[in-house]
Amino acid sequence: MKDILRPALVLFVLLSAITGLLYPAVVIGAAQALFPAQAAGSLVLRGGQPVGSALIGQSFSNPGHFWGRPSATAPMPYNAAASGGSNLGPLNPALADAVKARVDALRAADPDNAAAVPVDLVTASASGLDPHTSLAAARYQAARVARVRGLPRAAVDALVERHAELPLWGLLGEPRVNVLALNMALDALPGAKALP
């Protein structure tokens, strides 16, 4: 029995050291050397202080900011510890009520906007953490943001276009806008009214 137990324990300790210590250390070291910003969480800094991540959305509700895609995470929106969708099907009355409430909030914030509401402004993503909206969703909100901030519409439209991210390799995905980056640029625009 002793002859069988010893090799098993030695192999267990050896494999634990390789897979539990050595391999993770090599992967973390390589990530930090090759991709330092991503390995550190893709943090977005303002004045040297982190204000968010380029990979996780934030909740913006002031009409003077662009709003992101809704989040269904609990107990708060964009909770990275509870990533996931609502799992509500298209015939579920709770989903229909949530979408109607979101459309009503967008219409109340910008009653003069008669355009169709882009779907990504009223439906949550599968992860609940999406930091982007479609370019159409950003354009839809430009008039409201310009009015609330006291900015020319053309300046806000130009800001949206400057922050547009094109599809990967020109093929994968749709044009999109990182909402945090767009709002930070908006806050830095000369002449923009401060928000309450």
N, C-alpha and C. Protein backbone atom coordinates (compact mmCIF):
# COMPACT_ATOMS: atom_id res chain seq x y z
N MET A 1 0.83 -1.20 0.00
CA MET A 1 0.00 0.00 0.00
C MET A 1 0.87 1.25 0.00
N LYS A 2 1.99 1.18 0.76
CA LYS A 2 2.89 2.32 0.85
C LYS A 2 3.51 2.62 -0.52
N ASP A 3 3.78 1.57 -1.30
CA ASP A 3 4.37 1.74 -2.63
C ASP A 3 3.41 2.43 -3.60
N ILE A 4 2.14 2.26 -3.39
CA ILE A 4 1.14 2.87 -4.28
C ILE A 4 0.83 4.31 -3.83
N LEU A 5 0.76 4.55 -2.56
CA LEU A 5 0.39 5.86 -2.03
C LEU A 5 1.44 6.92 -2.29
N ARG A 6 2.71 6.59 -2.14
CA ARG A 6 3.77 7.59 -2.30
C ARG A 6 3.81 8.18 -3.72
N PRO A 7 3.83 7.38 -4.79
CA PRO A 7 3.84 7.98 -6.13
C PRO A 7 2.59 8.83 -6.40
N ALA A 8 1.46 8.40 -5.87
CA ALA A 8 0.23 9.18 -6.07
C ALA A 8 0.33 10.54 -5.38
N LEU A 9 0.87 10.57 -4.16
CA LEU A 9 1.03 11.85 -3.45
C LEU A 9 2.06 12.75 -4.13
N VAL A 10 3.15 12.16 -4.58
CA VAL A 10 4.18 12.95 -5.28
C VAL A 10 3.60 13.55 -6.55
N LEU A 11 2.88 12.76 -7.32
CA LEU A 11 2.25 13.25 -8.55
C LEU A 11 1.22 14.34 -8.26
N PHE A 12 0.44 14.12 -7.20
CA PHE A 12 -0.56 15.12 -6.80
C PHE A 12 0.11 16.46 -6.46
N VAL A 13 1.16 16.43 -5.65
CA VAL A 13 1.87 17.66 -5.27
C VAL A 13 2.51 18.31 -6.48
N LEU A 14 3.14 17.52 -7.35
CA LEU A 14 3.80 18.05 -8.54
C LEU A 14 2.79 18.71 -9.49
N LEU A 15 1.70 18.03 -9.78
CA LEU A 15 0.68 18.59 -10.67
C LEU A 15 0.00 19.80 -10.04
N SER A 16 -0.20 19.78 -8.75
CA SER A 16 -0.78 20.95 -8.07
C SER A 16 0.13 22.16 -8.20
N ALA A 17 1.43 21.95 -8.04
CA ALA A 17 2.39 23.05 -8.17
C ALA A 17 2.42 23.58 -9.60
N ILE A 18 2.39 22.68 -10.57
CA ILE A 18 2.45 23.11 -11.97
C ILE A 18 1.16 23.82 -12.38
N THR A 19 0.03 23.19 -12.14
CA THR A 19 -1.24 23.75 -12.62
C THR A 19 -1.82 24.81 -11.70
N GLY A 20 -1.46 24.78 -10.43
CA GLY A 20 -2.03 25.74 -9.49
C GLY A 20 -1.15 26.94 -9.21
N LEU A 21 0.16 26.82 -9.46
CA LEU A 21 1.07 27.92 -9.17
C LEU A 21 1.86 28.37 -10.39
N LEU A 22 2.59 27.45 -11.01
CA LEU A 22 3.48 27.80 -12.10
C LEU A 22 2.72 28.31 -13.32
N TYR A 23 1.75 27.54 -13.81
CA TYR A 23 1.00 27.94 -15.00
C TYR A 23 0.28 29.28 -14.81
N PRO A 24 -0.48 29.48 -13.71
CA PRO A 24 -1.11 30.80 -13.53
C PRO A 24 -0.10 31.94 -13.45
N ALA A 25 1.04 31.72 -12.80
CA ALA A 25 2.05 32.78 -12.71
C ALA A 25 2.59 33.14 -14.09
N VAL A 26 2.81 32.15 -14.94
CA VAL A 26 3.31 32.40 -16.30
C VAL A 26 2.26 33.16 -17.11
N VAL A 27 1.01 32.74 -17.03
CA VAL A 27 -0.05 33.39 -17.79
C VAL A 27 -0.25 34.84 -17.33
N ILE A 28 -0.28 35.06 -16.03
CA ILE A 28 -0.45 36.42 -15.50
C ILE A 28 0.74 37.29 -15.89
N GLY A 29 1.95 36.75 -15.77
CA GLY A 29 3.14 37.51 -16.15
C GLY A 29 3.14 37.87 -17.63
N ALA A 30 2.77 36.92 -18.48
CA ALA A 30 2.72 37.19 -19.92
C ALA A 30 1.65 38.23 -20.23
N ALA A 31 0.49 38.13 -19.59
CA ALA A 31 -0.58 39.11 -19.82
C ALA A 31 -0.15 40.51 -19.40
N GLN A 32 0.49 40.62 -18.25
CA GLN A 32 0.92 41.93 -17.79
C GLN A 32 2.03 42.50 -18.66
N ALA A 33 2.88 41.64 -19.22
CA ALA A 33 3.96 42.11 -20.09
C ALA A 33 3.44 42.49 -21.47
N LEU A 34 2.53 41.70 -22.04
CA LEU A 34 2.06 41.93 -23.40
C LEU A 34 0.84 42.85 -23.49
N PHE A 35 -0.03 42.79 -22.51
CA PHE A 35 -1.27 43.57 -22.52
C PHE A 35 -1.49 44.22 -21.16
N PRO A 36 -0.66 45.18 -20.75
CA PRO A 36 -0.74 45.71 -19.38
C PRO A 36 -2.07 46.39 -19.05
N ALA A 37 -2.65 47.15 -19.98
CA ALA A 37 -3.91 47.84 -19.69
C ALA A 37 -5.06 46.84 -19.50
N GLN A 38 -5.13 45.84 -20.39
CA GLN A 38 -6.19 44.85 -20.29
C GLN A 38 -6.03 43.99 -19.05
N ALA A 39 -4.79 43.63 -18.71
CA ALA A 39 -4.55 42.80 -17.53
C ALA A 39 -4.90 43.54 -16.25
N ALA A 40 -4.87 44.86 -16.28
CA ALA A 40 -5.20 45.67 -15.11
C ALA A 40 -6.69 46.01 -15.06
N GLY A 41 -7.50 45.45 -15.97
CA GLY A 41 -8.93 45.67 -15.92
C GLY A 41 -9.45 46.68 -16.92
N SER A 42 -8.62 47.12 -17.87
CA SER A 42 -9.02 48.13 -18.86
C SER A 42 -9.62 49.36 -18.17
N LEU A 43 -8.95 49.81 -17.12
CA LEU A 43 -9.46 50.93 -16.34
C LEU A 43 -9.45 52.23 -17.13
N VAL A 44 -10.48 53.04 -16.91
CA VAL A 44 -10.57 54.37 -17.50
C VAL A 44 -10.23 55.34 -16.38
N LEU A 45 -9.25 56.20 -16.63
CA LEU A 45 -8.78 57.14 -15.61
C LEU A 45 -9.18 58.57 -15.94
N ARG A 46 -9.46 59.33 -14.91
CA ARG A 46 -9.69 60.77 -15.04
C ARG A 46 -8.87 61.42 -13.94
N GLY A 47 -7.90 62.24 -14.32
CA GLY A 47 -7.05 62.87 -13.33
C GLY A 47 -6.24 61.85 -12.53
N GLY A 48 -5.90 60.74 -13.17
CA GLY A 48 -5.13 59.70 -12.49
C GLY A 48 -5.94 58.79 -11.60
N GLN A 49 -7.24 59.04 -11.48
CA GLN A 49 -8.11 58.22 -10.63
C GLN A 49 -9.03 57.36 -11.50
N PRO A 50 -9.22 56.09 -11.15
CA PRO A 50 -10.12 55.25 -11.95
C PRO A 50 -11.57 55.67 -11.78
N VAL A 51 -12.27 55.77 -12.92
CA VAL A 51 -13.69 56.12 -12.90
C VAL A 51 -14.55 55.00 -13.48
N GLY A 52 -13.91 53.95 -13.97
CA GLY A 52 -14.66 52.84 -14.53
C GLY A 52 -13.75 51.96 -15.36
N SER A 53 -14.38 51.05 -16.07
CA SER A 53 -13.66 50.15 -16.97
C SER A 53 -14.24 50.31 -18.36
N ALA A 54 -13.39 50.18 -19.36
CA ALA A 54 -13.86 50.25 -20.75
C ALA A 54 -14.67 49.01 -21.11
N LEU A 55 -14.67 48.00 -20.24
CA LEU A 55 -15.33 46.73 -20.54
C LEU A 55 -16.64 46.51 -19.79
N ILE A 56 -16.95 47.38 -18.82
CA ILE A 56 -18.16 47.21 -18.01
C ILE A 56 -18.95 48.51 -18.04
N GLY A 57 -20.22 48.42 -18.38
CA GLY A 57 -21.07 49.59 -18.47
C GLY A 57 -21.31 50.24 -17.11
N GLN A 58 -21.81 51.46 -17.18
CA GLN A 58 -22.19 52.19 -15.97
C GLN A 58 -23.59 52.76 -16.17
N SER A 59 -24.25 53.02 -15.07
CA SER A 59 -25.60 53.55 -15.14
C SER A 59 -25.57 55.07 -15.24
N PHE A 60 -26.08 55.61 -16.33
CA PHE A 60 -26.24 57.04 -16.51
C PHE A 60 -27.72 57.32 -16.66
N SER A 61 -28.26 58.22 -15.84
CA SER A 61 -29.68 58.52 -15.94
C SER A 61 -29.97 60.00 -16.10
N ASN A 62 -28.96 60.84 -15.95
CA ASN A 62 -29.16 62.29 -16.14
C ASN A 62 -29.40 62.56 -17.62
N PRO A 63 -30.41 63.36 -17.97
CA PRO A 63 -30.69 63.64 -19.38
C PRO A 63 -29.53 64.33 -20.11
N GLY A 64 -28.60 64.90 -19.37
CA GLY A 64 -27.44 65.54 -19.97
C GLY A 64 -26.32 64.59 -20.32
N HIS A 65 -26.50 63.32 -20.06
CA HIS A 65 -25.53 62.30 -20.44
C HIS A 65 -26.17 61.34 -21.44
N PHE A 66 -25.34 60.67 -22.20
CA PHE A 66 -25.82 59.58 -23.03
C PHE A 66 -26.11 58.40 -22.12
N TRP A 67 -27.19 57.70 -22.39
CA TRP A 67 -27.57 56.54 -21.60
C TRP A 67 -27.11 55.28 -22.31
N GLY A 68 -26.69 54.31 -21.55
CA GLY A 68 -26.24 53.04 -22.11
C GLY A 68 -27.36 52.04 -22.21
N ARG A 69 -26.97 50.87 -22.60
CA ARG A 69 -27.92 49.77 -22.71
C ARG A 69 -28.37 49.36 -21.31
N PRO A 70 -29.65 49.09 -21.10
CA PRO A 70 -30.12 48.68 -19.77
C PRO A 70 -29.43 47.41 -19.29
N SER A 71 -29.36 47.27 -17.98
CA SER A 71 -28.73 46.11 -17.37
C SER A 71 -29.76 45.38 -16.50
N ALA A 72 -29.76 44.07 -16.58
CA ALA A 72 -30.70 43.27 -15.78
C ALA A 72 -30.01 42.61 -14.59
N THR A 73 -28.78 43.03 -14.27
CA THR A 73 -28.09 42.40 -13.14
C THR A 73 -28.70 42.85 -11.82
N ALA A 74 -28.54 42.02 -10.81
CA ALA A 74 -29.09 42.33 -9.49
C ALA A 74 -27.95 42.34 -8.48
N PRO A 75 -28.05 43.02 -7.41
CA PRO A 75 -29.14 43.89 -6.97
C PRO A 75 -29.06 45.29 -7.56
N MET A 76 -28.05 45.57 -8.40
CA MET A 76 -27.91 46.90 -9.01
C MET A 76 -27.50 46.70 -10.46
N PRO A 77 -27.75 47.72 -11.29
CA PRO A 77 -27.34 47.61 -12.69
C PRO A 77 -25.82 47.52 -12.83
N TYR A 78 -25.37 46.80 -13.84
CA TYR A 78 -23.95 46.66 -14.19
C TYR A 78 -23.14 46.05 -13.05
N ASN A 79 -23.73 45.13 -12.32
CA ASN A 79 -23.05 44.44 -11.23
C ASN A 79 -22.23 43.30 -11.83
N ALA A 80 -20.91 43.50 -11.90
CA ALA A 80 -20.04 42.52 -12.54
C ALA A 80 -20.01 41.19 -11.78
N ALA A 81 -20.37 41.19 -10.52
CA ALA A 81 -20.40 39.95 -9.74
C ALA A 81 -21.64 39.12 -10.04
N ALA A 82 -22.59 39.70 -10.74
CA ALA A 82 -23.84 38.98 -11.03
C ALA A 82 -24.19 39.10 -12.51
N SER A 83 -23.20 38.95 -13.36
CA SER A 83 -23.41 39.07 -14.80
C SER A 83 -24.47 38.09 -15.27
N GLY A 84 -25.37 38.59 -16.09
CA GLY A 84 -26.40 37.74 -16.66
C GLY A 84 -27.58 38.54 -17.14
N GLY A 85 -28.36 37.94 -17.98
CA GLY A 85 -29.55 38.58 -18.51
C GLY A 85 -30.75 38.33 -17.62
N SER A 86 -31.88 38.85 -18.06
CA SER A 86 -33.11 38.68 -17.28
C SER A 86 -33.75 37.32 -17.53
N ASN A 87 -33.41 36.69 -18.66
CA ASN A 87 -33.99 35.41 -19.08
C ASN A 87 -35.49 35.49 -19.30
N LEU A 88 -36.00 36.69 -19.57
CA LEU A 88 -37.41 36.85 -19.88
C LEU A 88 -37.62 36.64 -21.37
N GLY A 89 -38.56 35.78 -21.71
CA GLY A 89 -38.85 35.49 -23.11
C GLY A 89 -39.65 36.60 -23.76
N PRO A 90 -39.73 36.59 -25.09
CA PRO A 90 -40.41 37.68 -25.81
C PRO A 90 -41.91 37.78 -25.52
N LEU A 91 -42.51 36.73 -25.02
CA LEU A 91 -43.94 36.78 -24.70
C LEU A 91 -44.21 37.04 -23.23
N ASN A 92 -43.16 37.22 -22.45
CA ASN A 92 -43.31 37.45 -21.02
C ASN A 92 -43.82 38.87 -20.77
N PRO A 93 -44.93 39.03 -20.05
CA PRO A 93 -45.47 40.36 -19.78
C PRO A 93 -44.49 41.25 -19.01
N ALA A 94 -43.64 40.68 -18.18
CA ALA A 94 -42.67 41.48 -17.43
C ALA A 94 -41.67 42.15 -18.38
N LEU A 95 -41.27 41.44 -19.44
CA LEU A 95 -40.36 42.03 -20.42
C LEU A 95 -41.07 43.15 -21.17
N ALA A 96 -42.29 42.92 -21.58
CA ALA A 96 -43.06 43.95 -22.29
C ALA A 96 -43.23 45.19 -21.41
N ASP A 97 -43.50 45.00 -20.14
CA ASP A 97 -43.66 46.13 -19.21
C ASP A 97 -42.34 46.89 -19.04
N ALA A 98 -41.23 46.16 -18.93
CA ALA A 98 -39.92 46.80 -18.76
C ALA A 98 -39.56 47.61 -20.00
N VAL A 99 -39.78 47.06 -21.17
CA VAL A 99 -39.48 47.77 -22.42
C VAL A 99 -40.36 49.01 -22.53
N LYS A 100 -41.65 48.89 -22.21
CA LYS A 100 -42.56 50.04 -22.27
C LYS A 100 -42.10 51.14 -21.31
N ALA A 101 -41.70 50.76 -20.10
CA ALA A 101 -41.23 51.75 -19.13
C ALA A 101 -39.97 52.45 -19.63
N ARG A 102 -39.08 51.72 -20.28
CA ARG A 102 -37.85 52.33 -20.82
C ARG A 102 -38.16 53.26 -21.98
N VAL A 103 -39.07 52.86 -22.84
CA VAL A 103 -39.48 53.74 -23.95
C VAL A 103 -40.12 55.01 -23.39
N ASP A 104 -40.98 54.85 -22.39
CA ASP A 104 -41.64 56.01 -21.77
C ASP A 104 -40.61 56.96 -21.15
N ALA A 105 -39.58 56.41 -20.50
CA ALA A 105 -38.54 57.25 -19.89
C ALA A 105 -37.77 58.01 -20.97
N LEU A 106 -37.47 57.36 -22.08
CA LEU A 106 -36.77 58.04 -23.17
C LEU A 106 -37.65 59.13 -23.79
N ARG A 107 -38.91 58.84 -23.96
CA ARG A 107 -39.84 59.83 -24.53
C ARG A 107 -40.03 61.01 -23.56
N ALA A 108 -40.10 60.74 -22.26
CA ALA A 108 -40.25 61.81 -21.28
C ALA A 108 -39.02 62.71 -21.23
N ALA A 109 -37.85 62.13 -21.40
CA ALA A 109 -36.61 62.91 -21.36
C ALA A 109 -36.43 63.74 -22.62
N ASP A 110 -37.07 63.34 -23.73
CA ASP A 110 -36.93 64.04 -25.01
C ASP A 110 -38.25 63.98 -25.77
N PRO A 111 -39.27 64.74 -25.29
CA PRO A 111 -40.60 64.61 -25.88
C PRO A 111 -40.69 65.03 -27.36
N ASP A 112 -39.74 65.84 -27.83
CA ASP A 112 -39.79 66.28 -29.23
C ASP A 112 -39.22 65.24 -30.19
N ASN A 113 -38.60 64.20 -29.68
CA ASN A 113 -37.97 63.20 -30.54
C ASN A 113 -39.02 62.16 -30.94
N ALA A 114 -39.43 62.19 -32.21
CA ALA A 114 -40.45 61.26 -32.70
C ALA A 114 -39.83 60.06 -33.42
N ALA A 115 -38.52 59.97 -33.46
CA ALA A 115 -37.86 58.86 -34.14
C ALA A 115 -38.11 57.55 -33.41
N ALA A 116 -37.98 56.47 -34.14
CA ALA A 116 -38.12 55.15 -33.51
C ALA A 116 -36.98 54.94 -32.52
N VAL A 117 -37.31 54.38 -31.37
CA VAL A 117 -36.30 54.15 -30.33
C VAL A 117 -35.47 52.92 -30.71
N PRO A 118 -34.15 53.06 -30.77
CA PRO A 118 -33.31 51.89 -31.07
C PRO A 118 -33.50 50.80 -30.02
N VAL A 119 -33.55 49.57 -30.47
CA VAL A 119 -33.87 48.45 -29.59
C VAL A 119 -32.86 48.28 -28.46
N ASP A 120 -31.60 48.63 -28.69
CA ASP A 120 -30.62 48.41 -27.62
C ASP A 120 -30.73 49.42 -26.49
N LEU A 121 -31.55 50.45 -26.65
CA LEU A 121 -31.79 51.38 -25.54
C LEU A 121 -32.91 50.90 -24.61
N VAL A 122 -33.62 49.85 -25.03
CA VAL A 122 -34.75 49.39 -24.21
C VAL A 122 -34.68 47.90 -23.84
N THR A 123 -33.65 47.20 -24.33
CA THR A 123 -33.48 45.78 -23.99
C THR A 123 -32.09 45.57 -23.41
N ALA A 124 -32.03 44.74 -22.40
CA ALA A 124 -30.74 44.45 -21.75
C ALA A 124 -29.97 43.41 -22.56
N SER A 125 -28.65 43.48 -22.45
CA SER A 125 -27.81 42.49 -23.13
C SER A 125 -27.79 41.19 -22.33
N ALA A 126 -27.22 40.16 -22.91
CA ALA A 126 -27.16 38.85 -22.24
C ALA A 126 -26.29 38.90 -21.00
N SER A 127 -25.25 39.73 -21.02
CA SER A 127 -24.36 39.80 -19.85
C SER A 127 -24.85 40.82 -18.83
N GLY A 128 -25.58 41.82 -19.28
CA GLY A 128 -26.00 42.90 -18.39
C GLY A 128 -24.89 43.89 -18.10
N LEU A 129 -23.74 43.74 -18.78
CA LEU A 129 -22.58 44.58 -18.50
C LEU A 129 -22.11 45.38 -19.71
N ASP A 130 -22.84 45.35 -20.79
CA ASP A 130 -22.40 45.95 -22.06
C ASP A 130 -22.07 47.43 -21.90
N PRO A 131 -20.81 47.83 -22.18
CA PRO A 131 -20.44 49.24 -22.05
C PRO A 131 -20.76 50.07 -23.29
N HIS A 132 -21.27 49.43 -24.33
CA HIS A 132 -21.50 50.12 -25.60
C HIS A 132 -22.99 50.24 -25.91
N THR A 133 -23.28 51.22 -26.75
CA THR A 133 -24.57 51.28 -27.43
C THR A 133 -24.27 51.32 -28.92
N SER A 134 -25.28 51.07 -29.69
CA SER A 134 -25.11 51.18 -31.14
C SER A 134 -24.92 52.65 -31.50
N LEU A 135 -24.35 52.87 -32.66
CA LEU A 135 -24.19 54.24 -33.15
C LEU A 135 -25.56 54.89 -33.31
N ALA A 136 -26.55 54.10 -33.73
CA ALA A 136 -27.91 54.61 -33.88
C ALA A 136 -28.48 55.08 -32.53
N ALA A 137 -28.18 54.35 -31.45
CA ALA A 137 -28.68 54.73 -30.13
C ALA A 137 -28.02 56.03 -29.66
N ALA A 138 -26.75 56.21 -29.93
CA ALA A 138 -26.07 57.45 -29.56
C ALA A 138 -26.63 58.62 -30.37
N ARG A 139 -26.82 58.40 -31.66
CA ARG A 139 -27.38 59.47 -32.51
C ARG A 139 -28.80 59.83 -32.07
N TYR A 140 -29.57 58.84 -31.65
CA TYR A 140 -30.94 59.08 -31.19
C TYR A 140 -30.96 60.04 -30.00
N GLN A 141 -29.95 59.97 -29.13
CA GLN A 141 -29.92 60.77 -27.91
C GLN A 141 -29.24 62.13 -28.08
N ALA A 142 -28.61 62.36 -29.22
CA ALA A 142 -27.78 63.57 -29.40
C ALA A 142 -28.57 64.86 -29.21
N ALA A 143 -29.79 64.95 -29.72
CA ALA A 143 -30.57 66.19 -29.59
C ALA A 143 -30.88 66.49 -28.13
N ARG A 144 -31.27 65.49 -27.38
CA ARG A 144 -31.57 65.69 -25.95
C ARG A 144 -30.34 66.15 -25.19
N VAL A 145 -29.21 65.49 -25.42
CA VAL A 145 -27.98 65.85 -24.72
C VAL A 145 -27.56 67.27 -25.09
N ALA A 146 -27.64 67.62 -26.36
CA ALA A 146 -27.26 68.97 -26.79
C ALA A 146 -28.14 70.02 -26.13
N ARG A 147 -29.45 69.77 -26.07
CA ARG A 147 -30.39 70.72 -25.46
C ARG A 147 -30.10 70.90 -23.97
N VAL A 148 -29.95 69.80 -23.24
CA VAL A 148 -29.73 69.87 -21.79
C VAL A 148 -28.38 70.51 -21.48
N ARG A 149 -27.36 70.24 -22.27
CA ARG A 149 -26.02 70.76 -22.03
C ARG A 149 -25.80 72.15 -22.62
N GLY A 150 -26.78 72.67 -23.37
CA GLY A 150 -26.63 73.99 -23.97
C GLY A 150 -25.55 74.03 -25.05
N LEU A 151 -25.43 72.95 -25.78
CA LEU A 151 -24.41 72.82 -26.84
C LEU A 151 -25.08 72.80 -28.21
N PRO A 152 -24.36 73.24 -29.23
CA PRO A 152 -24.90 73.09 -30.58
C PRO A 152 -25.04 71.61 -30.94
N ARG A 153 -26.11 71.29 -31.59
CA ARG A 153 -26.35 69.89 -31.98
C ARG A 153 -25.20 69.36 -32.83
N ALA A 154 -24.66 70.21 -33.70
CA ALA A 154 -23.57 69.77 -34.58
C ALA A 154 -22.35 69.34 -33.76
N ALA A 155 -22.08 70.03 -32.65
CA ALA A 155 -20.92 69.68 -31.81
C ALA A 155 -21.13 68.31 -31.16
N VAL A 156 -22.34 68.04 -30.72
CA VAL A 156 -22.62 66.74 -30.09
C VAL A 156 -22.60 65.64 -31.13
N ASP A 157 -23.16 65.90 -32.31
CA ASP A 157 -23.12 64.91 -33.39
C ASP A 157 -21.67 64.57 -33.76
N ALA A 158 -20.83 65.60 -33.85
CA ALA A 158 -19.43 65.38 -34.20
C ALA A 158 -18.72 64.56 -33.11
N LEU A 159 -19.07 64.82 -31.86
CA LEU A 159 -18.49 64.06 -30.75
C LEU A 159 -18.86 62.58 -30.85
N VAL A 160 -20.11 62.32 -31.17
CA VAL A 160 -20.57 60.94 -31.33
C VAL A 160 -19.79 60.26 -32.45
N GLU A 161 -19.65 60.93 -33.57
CA GLU A 161 -18.96 60.34 -34.72
C GLU A 161 -17.48 60.08 -34.40
N ARG A 162 -16.85 60.98 -33.63
CA ARG A 162 -15.44 60.78 -33.26
C ARG A 162 -15.25 59.57 -32.35
N HIS A 163 -16.28 59.23 -31.58
CA HIS A 163 -16.18 58.11 -30.65
C HIS A 163 -16.75 56.81 -31.20
N ALA A 164 -17.14 56.82 -32.46
CA ALA A 164 -17.67 55.60 -33.09
C ALA A 164 -16.55 54.58 -33.25
N GLU A 165 -16.82 53.36 -32.84
CA GLU A 165 -15.90 52.24 -33.02
C GLU A 165 -16.45 51.39 -34.15
N LEU A 166 -15.63 51.19 -35.17
CA LEU A 166 -16.08 50.43 -36.34
C LEU A 166 -16.02 48.93 -36.05
N PRO A 167 -16.72 48.15 -36.86
CA PRO A 167 -16.69 46.69 -36.67
C PRO A 167 -15.26 46.16 -36.74
N LEU A 168 -15.00 45.10 -35.99
CA LEU A 168 -13.69 44.47 -35.98
C LEU A 168 -13.33 43.99 -37.38
N TRP A 169 -12.16 44.41 -37.87
CA TRP A 169 -11.68 44.09 -39.22
C TRP A 169 -12.67 44.52 -40.29
N GLY A 170 -13.55 45.45 -39.95
CA GLY A 170 -14.53 45.93 -40.91
C GLY A 170 -15.65 44.95 -41.19
N LEU A 171 -15.69 43.82 -40.47
CA LEU A 171 -16.67 42.78 -40.75
C LEU A 171 -17.51 42.35 -39.56
N LEU A 172 -16.88 42.24 -38.39
CA LEU A 172 -17.54 41.63 -37.24
C LEU A 172 -18.21 42.67 -36.35
N GLY A 173 -19.51 42.56 -36.20
CA GLY A 173 -20.24 43.47 -35.32
C GLY A 173 -20.78 44.67 -36.06
N GLU A 174 -21.33 45.57 -35.28
CA GLU A 174 -21.92 46.80 -35.81
C GLU A 174 -21.14 48.00 -35.27
N PRO A 175 -21.22 49.14 -35.92
CA PRO A 175 -20.60 50.34 -35.34
C PRO A 175 -21.22 50.61 -33.97
N ARG A 176 -20.37 51.01 -33.02
CA ARG A 176 -20.84 51.18 -31.65
C ARG A 176 -20.09 52.33 -30.99
N VAL A 177 -20.55 52.69 -29.80
CA VAL A 177 -19.95 53.78 -29.04
C VAL A 177 -19.81 53.33 -27.58
N ASN A 178 -18.63 53.54 -27.00
CA ASN A 178 -18.44 53.27 -25.58
C ASN A 178 -19.06 54.45 -24.82
N VAL A 179 -20.08 54.19 -24.03
CA VAL A 179 -20.87 55.24 -23.38
C VAL A 179 -20.04 56.02 -22.36
N LEU A 180 -19.22 55.34 -21.56
CA LEU A 180 -18.39 56.03 -20.57
C LEU A 180 -17.42 56.98 -21.26
N ALA A 181 -16.74 56.51 -22.30
CA ALA A 181 -15.78 57.37 -23.02
C ALA A 181 -16.48 58.56 -23.65
N LEU A 182 -17.66 58.33 -24.22
CA LEU A 182 -18.42 59.41 -24.84
C LEU A 182 -18.85 60.45 -23.80
N ASN A 183 -19.34 59.99 -22.65
CA ASN A 183 -19.77 60.92 -21.61
C ASN A 183 -18.61 61.69 -21.00
N MET A 184 -17.46 61.04 -20.87
CA MET A 184 -16.29 61.76 -20.36
C MET A 184 -15.86 62.85 -21.34
N ALA A 185 -15.89 62.56 -22.64
CA ALA A 185 -15.56 63.56 -23.65
C ALA A 185 -16.59 64.69 -23.65
N LEU A 186 -17.84 64.33 -23.44
CA LEU A 186 -18.91 65.33 -23.36
C LEU A 186 -18.69 66.27 -22.18
N ASP A 187 -18.34 65.69 -21.02
CA ASP A 187 -18.09 66.51 -19.82
C ASP A 187 -16.93 67.47 -20.03
N ALA A 188 -15.99 67.11 -20.90
CA ALA A 188 -14.79 67.93 -21.14
C ALA A 188 -14.99 68.95 -22.24
N LEU A 189 -16.13 68.93 -22.92
CA LEU A 189 -16.36 69.88 -24.01
C LEU A 189 -16.45 71.31 -23.47
N PRO A 190 -15.74 72.24 -24.09
CA PRO A 190 -15.87 73.64 -23.67
C PRO A 190 -17.30 74.14 -23.90
N GLY A 191 -17.83 74.84 -22.94
CA GLY A 191 -19.16 75.42 -23.06
C GLY A 191 -20.29 74.52 -22.62
N ALA A 192 -19.99 73.26 -22.28
CA ALA A 192 -21.05 72.35 -21.83
C ALA A 192 -21.49 72.74 -20.43
N LYS A 193 -22.81 72.88 -20.25
CA LYS A 193 -23.34 73.20 -18.92
C LYS A 193 -23.02 72.08 -17.94
N ALA A 194 -22.70 72.45 -16.72
CA ALA A 194 -22.47 71.44 -15.67
C ALA A 194 -23.79 70.78 -15.31
N LEU A 195 -23.73 69.54 -14.95
CA LEU A 195 -24.94 68.81 -14.57
C LEU A 195 -25.17 68.90 -13.07
N PRO A 196 -26.45 68.90 -12.65
CA PRO A 196 -26.74 68.94 -11.21
C PRO A 196 -26.30 67.68 -10.51
